[in-house]
Amino acid sequence: MAAQDRADVYTRVTAEIIAAIEQGAGEWHAPWFHNGTSAARPTNISSGKRYRGINTVALWVAAMAVGYDDGLWGTYRQWQEAGAQVRKGERSTTVVLWKQIASSEPTNDDDSDDGGHRRMFARAFSVFNVAQVDGYERPPADTLPESERLTHAEAFITNLGIKTVFGGSEAYYLPSSDTVFMPDFASFRDAASFYGTWTHESGHASGSKHRLDRDLSGRFGSAAYAAEECCVEILSGLILADLGIAHHPRADHAAYIASWIKVLKDDARAIFTAASKAQQAADWMHAQQSARHEQAA
């Protein structure tokens, strides 16, 4: 993908996200908030794999704009191979596939190292939601009871190995002691809000220097602070979708949303960076589950 094409993708996706946040009657709502159902987990019809990073965010935006309630997506050809047909006139959504190629190959692209040898190659694909096709019947999916999903969420967050202290009236992560502080369960309106907040604060902890080493130095109102909050909110959306738990706006959501929009409007690449870091953190969290199981074996 040429530099201008990438710039167009950055601008378009960012503009769509800003529009999604700003739409609605007096209440801004980010596309990474969801009800925990299939639409929150964009999946490719052909490979059965989940989309990642900015592609997940782009598909969340598309689903939110139109009201899709299913997260199954595919290219025109992939739907044909599945025995379905995209309806005439349906509008596609762009996703981007990044591949690493041999650095010894010369290139004039600006995705290159100082020696002029390309390291990453980007290719754009147009995909359609299952709601845009005819002739496809999705097999029934097994859904765990809510009690089991909440139990899984408890184990998932515990397996991160991040110290959590319960009690008090505020939820926050304190880098100096590498500790998450959480109000008691009874302080929350429901279980989804409790686990959503716990996931959010654990997300900040994933950025500590001895973990993923993100910039946690920003103060409220700064661009660095807004960028970290945006990253962790996307991360929470990713993890809670994997756990099948709704991701609701926090009580302090309105205090952050204006700063997010400013960052996005100032830098079209900001959401791509935030989504990339969020995916990295989500991968780290999932890796801790395997590590804990290995330690217990």
Foldseek 3Di string as FASTA:
>chain_A
DAPVVVVVVLQVLLVLQLCQQPDDDPHGDGLLFFALAQLLFAAEPQPRHTDAFVQSRQSSSVCSVVVDPHRYKYAQVSCVVQVKHFDPPDFWTKDKDKDFDDQVDADPGPCHDPVRGHGIDIDITTMDDPVRIPDDDDDDDDDDPPVVLLVVLVVLLVLLVQAEDEDDDDWAADLVVSYTYYYDPVNDPDSLLRSLSSQLRVLLSCCHPVHVVQDPPDDPPDLSPLLSSLLSSSLSSVVSSVSSHGNDQDPCNVSNPVSNSVNCVVDSCSSSVSRVVSRVSNVSSVVSVVVVVVVVD
